[in-house]
Amino acid sequence: MFEIFLNVLGVVFLWLAVEYCLRHQTSESLDDASMVPFADDPEVARRVELATGKTVKAVAPEEAKPGWINLQM
C-alpha cells in the first residue's frame, strides 16, 4: 500500500513539474520548437513544409571560412 502511495506521489510530482516548466509556453511557441530539428537542412525543411503545411524557418548551412576546412563525419 505504501508503494502505491509513493508511485502516485511520484506521478503527481512529475505532472506538476512539467506543468510548471511549460506554464509560459503558447501553442505557437511549442509548434515552432517542434520544427527546430529540421531548420539546418533546407531540403528536409522543404519536405517537412510540404508534408505538414507548416513553415520551417530554415537556416543556410555554414560556409567554410577562408583558411578553415569543414570535416564531413
PDB file of N, CA and C in Angstrom:
ATOM      1  N   MET A   1       0.826  -1.199   0.000  1.00  0.00           N
ATOM      2  CA  MET A   1       0.000   0.000   0.000  1.00  0.00           C
ATOM      3  C   MET A   1       0.866   1.258   0.000  1.00  0.00           C
ATOM      4  N   PHE A   2       1.960   1.215   0.766  1.00  0.00           N
ATOM      5  CA  PHE A   2       2.850   2.366   0.833  1.00  0.00           C
ATOM      6  C   PHE A   2       3.530   2.593  -0.523  1.00  0.00           C
ATOM      7  N   GLU A   3       3.850   1.504  -1.236  1.00  0.00           N
ATOM      8  CA  GLU A   3       4.473   1.631  -2.555  1.00  0.00           C
ATOM      9  C   GLU A   3       3.524   2.295  -3.547  1.00  0.00           C
ATOM     10  N   ILE A   4       2.259   1.966  -3.480  1.00  0.00           N
ATOM     11  CA  ILE A   4       1.269   2.582  -4.367  1.00  0.00           C
ATOM     12  C   ILE A   4       1.180   4.075  -4.074  1.00  0.00           C
ATOM     13  N   PHE A   5       1.184   4.434  -2.807  1.00  0.00           N
ATOM     14  CA  PHE A   5       1.152   5.845  -2.425  1.00  0.00           C
ATOM     15  C   PHE A   5       2.370   6.581  -2.982  1.00  0.00           C
ATOM     16  N   LEU A   6       3.562   5.977  -2.879  1.00  0.00           N
ATOM     17  CA  LEU A   6       4.767   6.617  -3.407  1.00  0.00           C
ATOM     18  C   LEU A   6       4.716   6.730  -4.932  1.00  0.00           C
ATOM     19  N   ASN A   7       4.167   5.718  -5.612  1.00  0.00           N
ATOM     20  CA  ASN A   7       4.036   5.791  -7.066  1.00  0.00           C
ATOM     21  C   ASN A   7       3.094   6.906  -7.481  1.00  0.00           C
ATOM     22  N   VAL A   8       1.966   7.011  -6.815  1.00  0.00           N
ATOM     23  CA  VAL A   8       1.002   8.082  -7.120  1.00  0.00           C
ATOM     24  C   VAL A   8       1.626   9.439  -6.814  1.00  0.00           C
ATOM     25  N   LEU A   9       2.339   9.544  -5.717  1.00  0.00           N
ATOM     26  CA  LEU A   9       3.009  10.793  -5.367  1.00  0.00           C
ATOM     27  C   LEU A   9       4.055  11.165  -6.414  1.00  0.00           C
ATOM     28  N   GLY A  10       4.786  10.182  -6.927  1.00  0.00           N
ATOM     29  CA  GLY A  10       5.775  10.437  -7.974  1.00  0.00           C
ATOM     30  C   GLY A  10       5.133  10.920  -9.262  1.00  0.00           C
ATOM     31  N   VAL A  11       4.014  10.325  -9.654  1.00  0.00           N
ATOM     32  CA  VAL A  11       3.312  10.740 -10.872  1.00  0.00           C
ATOM     33  C   VAL A  11       2.775  12.157 -10.711  1.00  0.00           C
ATOM     34  N   VAL A  12       2.217  12.464  -9.551  1.00  0.00           N
ATOM     35  CA  VAL A  12       1.697  13.818  -9.304  1.00  0.00           C
ATOM     36  C   VAL A  12       2.835  14.833  -9.336  1.00  0.00           C
ATOM     37  N   PHE A  13       3.976  14.496  -8.734  1.00  0.00           N
ATOM     38  CA  PHE A  13       5.125  15.404  -8.748  1.00  0.00           C
ATOM     39  C   PHE A  13       5.622  15.632 -10.173  1.00  0.00           C
ATOM     40  N   LEU A  14       5.705  14.579 -10.980  1.00  0.00           N
ATOM     41  CA  LEU A  14       6.141  14.713 -12.367  1.00  0.00           C
ATOM     42  C   LEU A  14       5.180  15.601 -13.151  1.00  0.00           C
ATOM     43  N   TRP A  15       3.867  15.387 -12.975  1.00  0.00           N
ATOM     44  CA  TRP A  15       2.875  16.191 -13.677  1.00  0.00           C
ATOM     45  C   TRP A  15       3.004  17.669 -13.287  1.00  0.00           C
ATOM     46  N   LEU A  16       3.158  17.946 -11.995  1.00  0.00           N
ATOM     47  CA  LEU A  16       3.296  19.334 -11.538  1.00  0.00           C
ATOM     48  C   LEU A  16       4.589  19.964 -12.053  1.00  0.00           C
ATOM     49  N   ALA A  17       5.667  19.200 -12.120  1.00  0.00           N
ATOM     50  CA  ALA A  17       6.931  19.726 -12.625  1.00  0.00           C
ATOM     51  C   ALA A  17       6.826  20.086 -14.106  1.00  0.00           C
ATOM     52  N   VAL A  18       6.177  19.244 -14.900  1.00  0.00           N
ATOM     53  CA  VAL A  18       6.004  19.532 -16.327  1.00  0.00           C
ATOM     54  C   VAL A  18       5.097  20.750 -16.507  1.00  0.00           C
ATOM     55  N   GLU A  19       4.028  20.821 -15.761  1.00  0.00           N
ATOM     56  CA  GLU A  19       3.140  21.982 -15.837  1.00  0.00           C
ATOM     57  C   GLU A  19       3.881  23.267 -15.463  1.00  0.00           C
ATOM     58  N   TYR A  20       4.731  23.211 -14.450  1.00  0.00           N
ATOM     59  CA  TYR A  20       5.492  24.388 -14.021  1.00  0.00           C
ATOM     60  C   TYR A  20       6.471  24.825 -15.110  1.00  0.00           C
ATOM     61  N   CYS A  21       7.136  23.865 -15.748  1.00  0.00           N
ATOM     62  CA  CYS A  21       8.112  24.193 -16.788  1.00  0.00           C
ATOM     63  C   CYS A  21       7.456  24.762 -18.045  1.00  0.00           C
ATOM     64  N   LEU A  22       6.247  24.338 -18.348  1.00  0.00           N
ATOM     65  CA  LEU A  22       5.584  24.766 -19.578  1.00  0.00           C
ATOM     66  C   LEU A  22       4.551  25.864 -19.352  1.00  0.00           C
ATOM     67  N   ARG A  23       4.540  26.499 -18.204  1.00  0.00           N
ATOM     68  CA  ARG A  23       3.469  27.443 -17.870  1.00  0.00           C
ATOM     69  C   ARG A  23       3.452  28.680 -18.762  1.00  0.00           C
ATOM     70  N   HIS A  24       4.587  29.122 -19.316  1.00  0.00           N
ATOM     71  CA  HIS A  24       4.612  30.334 -20.133  1.00  0.00           C
ATOM     72  C   HIS A  24       4.631  30.026 -21.631  1.00  0.00           C
ATOM     73  N   GLN A  25       4.504  28.785 -22.008  1.00  0.00           N
ATOM     74  CA  GLN A  25       4.560  28.412 -23.419  1.00  0.00           C
ATOM     75  C   GLN A  25       3.177  28.527 -24.053  1.00  0.00           C
ATOM     76  N   THR A  26       3.188  28.959 -25.299  1.00  0.00           N
ATOM     77  CA  THR A  26       1.940  29.010 -26.070  1.00  0.00           C
ATOM     78  C   THR A  26       1.963  27.869 -27.081  1.00  0.00           C
ATOM     79  N   SER A  27       0.837  27.606 -27.681  1.00  0.00           N
ATOM     80  CA  SER A  27       0.795  26.542 -28.683  1.00  0.00           C
ATOM     81  C   SER A  27       1.658  26.904 -29.886  1.00  0.00           C
ATOM     82  N   GLU A  28       1.766  28.200 -30.200  1.00  0.00           N
ATOM     83  CA  GLU A  28       2.610  28.625 -31.322  1.00  0.00           C
ATOM     84  C   GLU A  28       4.092  28.405 -31.013  1.00  0.00           C
ATOM     85  N   SER A  29       4.528  28.726 -29.797  1.00  0.00           N
ATOM     86  CA  SER A  29       5.937  28.536 -29.459  1.00  0.00           C
ATOM     87  C   SER A  29       6.298  27.057 -29.393  1.00  0.00           C
ATOM     88  N   LEU A  30       5.389  26.223 -28.921  1.00  0.00           N
ATOM     89  CA  LEU A  30       5.645  24.780 -28.908  1.00  0.00           C
ATOM     90  C   LEU A  30       5.672  24.220 -30.322  1.00  0.00           C
ATOM     91  N   ASP A  31       4.830  24.749 -31.212  1.00  0.00           N
ATOM     92  CA  ASP A  31       4.830  24.316 -32.600  1.00  0.00           C
ATOM     93  C   ASP A  31       6.133  24.717 -33.287  1.00  0.00           C
ATOM     94  N   ASP A  32       6.627  25.933 -33.019  1.00  0.00           N
ATOM     95  CA  ASP A  32       7.911  26.370 -33.575  1.00  0.00           C
ATOM     96  C   ASP A  32       9.053  25.503 -33.056  1.00  0.00           C
ATOM     97  N   ALA A  33       8.999  25.144 -31.792  1.00  0.00           N
ATOM     98  CA  ALA A  33      10.052  24.314 -31.206  1.00  0.00           C
ATOM     99  C   ALA A  33      10.069  22.918 -31.822  1.00  0.00           C
ATOM    100  N   SER A  34       8.918  22.426 -32.236  1.00  0.00           N
ATOM    101  CA  SER A  34       8.890  21.097 -32.850  1.00  0.00           C
ATOM    102  C   SER A  34       9.501  21.098 -34.243  1.00  0.00           C
ATOM    103  N   MET A  35       9.635  22.262 -34.863  1.00  0.00           N
ATOM    104  CA  MET A  35      10.226  22.361 -36.196  1.00  0.00           C
ATOM    105  C   MET A  35      11.721  22.655 -36.166  1.00  0.00           C
ATOM    106  N   VAL A  36      12.313  22.923 -35.031  1.00  0.00           N
ATOM    107  CA  VAL A  36      13.722  23.277 -34.926  1.00  0.00           C
ATOM    108  C   VAL A  36      14.655  22.183 -35.462  1.00  0.00           C
ATOM    109  N   PRO A  37      14.399  20.893 -35.238  1.00  0.00           N
ATOM    110  CA  PRO A  37      15.344  19.885 -35.750  1.00  0.00           C
ATOM    111  C   PRO A  37      15.496  19.889 -37.267  1.00  0.00           C
ATOM    112  N   PHE A  38      14.573  20.486 -38.000  1.00  0.00           N
ATOM    113  CA  PHE A  38      14.638  20.493 -39.453  1.00  0.00           C
ATOM    114  C   PHE A  38      15.193  21.797 -40.004  1.00  0.00           C
ATOM    115  N   ALA A  39      15.549  22.745 -39.165  1.00  0.00           N
ATOM    116  CA  ALA A  39      15.902  24.083 -39.611  1.00  0.00           C
ATOM    117  C   ALA A  39      17.278  24.168 -40.255  1.00  0.00           C
ATOM    118  N   ASP A  40      18.186  23.241 -39.999  1.00  0.00           N
ATOM    119  CA  ASP A  40      19.536  23.368 -40.530  1.00  0.00           C
ATOM    120  C   ASP A  40      19.719  22.681 -41.876  1.00  0.00           C
ATOM    121  N   ASP A  41      18.728  22.011 -42.384  1.00  0.00           N
ATOM    122  CA  ASP A  41      18.803  21.341 -43.675  1.00  0.00           C
ATOM    123  C   ASP A  41      17.661  21.841 -44.556  1.00  0.00           C
ATOM    124  N   PRO A  42      17.963  22.737 -45.513  1.00  0.00           N
ATOM    125  CA  PRO A  42      16.890  23.332 -46.321  1.00  0.00           C
ATOM    126  C   PRO A  42      16.066  22.306 -47.102  1.00  0.00           C
ATOM    127  N   GLU A  43      16.694  21.242 -47.594  1.00  0.00           N
ATOM    128  CA  GLU A  43      15.950  20.236 -48.356  1.00  0.00           C
ATOM    129  C   GLU A  43      14.939  19.516 -47.468  1.00  0.00           C
ATOM    130  N   VAL A  44      15.373  19.134 -46.280  1.00  0.00           N
ATOM    131  CA  VAL A  44      14.463  18.469 -45.340  1.00  0.00           C
ATOM    132  C   VAL A  44      13.382  19.443 -44.883  1.00  0.00           C
ATOM    133  N   ALA A  45      13.749  20.700 -44.689  1.00  0.00           N
ATOM    134  CA  ALA A  45      12.769  21.702 -44.272  1.00  0.00           C
ATOM    135  C   ALA A  45      11.665  21.839 -45.318  1.00  0.00           C
ATOM    136  N   ARG A  46      12.041  21.814 -46.610  1.00  0.00           N
ATOM    137  CA  ARG A  46      11.020  21.895 -47.667  1.00  0.00           C
ATOM    138  C   ARG A  46      10.096  20.678 -47.641  1.00  0.00           C
ATOM    139  N   ARG A  47      10.681  19.487 -47.431  1.00  0.00           N
ATOM    140  CA  ARG A  47       9.849  18.282 -47.386  1.00  0.00           C
ATOM    141  C   ARG A  47       8.895  18.307 -46.197  1.00  0.00           C
ATOM    142  N   VAL A  48       9.376  18.799 -45.057  1.00  0.00           N
ATOM    143  CA  VAL A  48       8.519  18.892 -43.873  1.00  0.00           C
ATOM    144  C   VAL A  48       7.408  19.905 -44.111  1.00  0.00           C
ATOM    145  N   GLU A  49       7.734  21.021 -44.760  1.00  0.00           N
ATOM    146  CA  GLU A  49       6.704  22.017 -45.075  1.00  0.00           C
ATOM    147  C   GLU A  49       5.636  21.437 -45.988  1.00  0.00           C
ATOM    148  N   LEU A  50       6.064  20.651 -46.980  1.00  0.00           N
ATOM    149  CA  LEU A  50       5.083  20.043 -47.886  1.00  0.00           C
ATOM    150  C   LEU A  50       4.229  19.007 -47.162  1.00  0.00           C
ATOM    151  N   ALA A  51       4.838  18.253 -46.265  1.00  0.00           N
ATOM    152  CA  ALA A  51       4.109  17.188 -45.568  1.00  0.00           C
ATOM    153  C   ALA A  51       3.158  17.736 -44.507  1.00  0.00           C
ATOM    154  N   THR A  52       3.575  18.784 -43.786  1.00  0.00           N
ATOM    155  CA  THR A  52       2.773  19.270 -42.665  1.00  0.00           C
ATOM    156  C   THR A  52       1.987  20.538 -42.978  1.00  0.00           C
ATOM    157  N   GLY A  53       2.441  21.314 -43.954  1.00  0.00           N
ATOM    158  CA  GLY A  53       1.795  22.587 -44.248  1.00  0.00           C
ATOM    159  C   GLY A  53       2.235  23.701 -43.320  1.00  0.00           C
ATOM    160  N   LYS A  54       3.187  23.421 -42.447  1.00  0.00           N
ATOM    161  CA  LYS A  54       3.700  24.428 -41.515  1.00  0.00           C
ATOM    162  C   LYS A  54       5.031  24.952 -42.046  1.00  0.00           C
ATOM    163  N   THR A  55       5.295  26.234 -41.814  1.00  0.00           N
ATOM    164  CA  THR A  55       6.544  26.807 -42.293  1.00  0.00           C
ATOM    165  C   THR A  55       7.672  26.500 -41.318  1.00  0.00           C
ATOM    166  N   VAL A  56       8.833  26.200 -41.902  1.00  0.00           N
ATOM    167  CA  VAL A  56      10.035  25.935 -41.115  1.00  0.00           C
ATOM    168  C   VAL A  56      11.006  27.063 -41.401  1.00  0.00           C
ATOM    169  N   LYS A  57      11.465  27.729 -40.365  1.00  0.00           N
ATOM    170  CA  LYS A  57      12.422  28.814 -40.537  1.00  0.00           C
ATOM    171  C   LYS A  57      13.808  28.198 -40.738  1.00  0.00           C
ATOM    172  N   ALA A  58      14.137  27.871 -42.006  1.00  0.00           N
ATOM    173  CA  ALA A  58      15.389  27.183 -42.315  1.00  0.00           C
ATOM    174  C   ALA A  58      16.555  28.156 -42.276  1.00  0.00           C
ATOM    175  N   VAL A  59      17.691  27.644 -41.879  1.00  0.00           N
ATOM    176  CA  VAL A  59      18.930  28.405 -41.814  1.00  0.00           C
ATOM    177  C   VAL A  59      19.872  27.813 -42.855  1.00  0.00           C
ATOM    178  N   ALA A  60      20.569  28.677 -43.575  1.00  0.00           N
ATOM    179  CA  ALA A  60      21.510  28.189 -44.587  1.00  0.00           C
ATOM    180  C   ALA A  60      22.658  27.444 -43.907  1.00  0.00           C
ATOM    181  N   PRO A  61      23.178  26.394 -44.549  1.00  0.00           N
ATOM    182  CA  PRO A  61      24.303  25.676 -43.958  1.00  0.00           C
ATOM    183  C   PRO A  61      25.527  26.574 -43.821  1.00  0.00           C
ATOM    184  N   GLU A  62      26.354  26.275 -42.859  1.00  0.00           N
ATOM    185  CA  GLU A  62      27.521  27.096 -42.574  1.00  0.00           C
ATOM    186  C   GLU A  62      28.540  26.970 -43.696  1.00  0.00           C
ATOM    187  N   GLU A  63      29.046  28.107 -44.161  1.00  0.00           N
ATOM    188  CA  GLU A  63      30.060  28.142 -45.210  1.00  0.00           C
ATOM    189  C   GLU A  63      31.440  27.984 -44.585  1.00  0.00           C
ATOM    190  N   ALA A  64      32.363  27.395 -45.345  1.00  0.00           N
ATOM    191  CA  ALA A  64      33.737  27.245 -44.858  1.00  0.00           C
ATOM    192  C   ALA A  64      34.423  28.607 -44.848  1.00  0.00           C
ATOM    193  N   LYS A  65      35.086  28.923 -43.747  1.00  0.00           N
ATOM    194  CA  LYS A  65      35.806  30.186 -43.643  1.00  0.00           C
ATOM    195  C   LYS A  65      37.144  30.043 -44.370  1.00  0.00           C
ATOM    196  N   PRO A  66      37.664  31.141 -44.905  1.00  0.00           N
ATOM    197  CA  PRO A  66      38.966  31.054 -45.588  1.00  0.00           C
ATOM    198  C   PRO A  66      40.047  30.561 -44.624  1.00  0.00           C
ATOM    199  N   GLY A  67      40.788  29.559 -45.052  1.00  0.00           N
ATOM    200  CA  GLY A  67      41.848  29.014 -44.218  1.00  0.00           C
ATOM    201  C   GLY A  67      41.355  27.890 -43.298  1.00  0.00           C
ATOM    202  N   TRP A  68      40.060  27.648 -43.250  1.00  0.00           N
ATOM    203  CA  TRP A  68      39.489  26.598 -42.418  1.00  0.00           C
ATOM    204  C   TRP A  68      38.900  25.520 -43.334  1.00  0.00           C
ATOM    205  N   ILE A  69      38.763  24.335 -42.810  1.00  0.00           N
ATOM    206  CA  ILE A  69      38.129  23.293 -43.585  1.00  0.00           C
ATOM    207  C   ILE A  69      36.975  22.714 -42.755  1.00  0.00           C
ATOM    208  N   ASN A  70      35.963  22.274 -43.433  1.00  0.00           N
ATOM    209  CA  ASN A  70      34.845  21.601 -42.768  1.00  0.00           C
ATOM    210  C   ASN A  70      35.030  20.106 -42.940  1.00  0.00           C
ATOM    211  N   LEU A  71      35.073  19.383 -41.846  1.00  0.00           N
ATOM    212  CA  LEU A  71      35.216  17.941 -41.896  1.00  0.00           C
ATOM    213  C   LEU A  71      33.853  17.302 -41.990  1.00  0.00           C
ATOM    214  N   GLN A  72      33.703  16.382 -42.909  1.00  0.00           N
ATOM    215  CA  GLN A  72      32.458  15.614 -43.015  1.00  0.00           C
ATOM    216  C   GLN A  72      32.628  14.341 -42.206  1.00  0.00           C
ATOM    217  N   MET A  73      31.864  14.181 -41.166  1.00  0.00           N
ATOM    218  CA  MET A  73      31.985  12.997 -40.323  1.00  0.00           C
ATOM    219  C   MET A  73      30.803  12.094 -40.502  1.00  0.00           C
TER     220      MET A  73
END
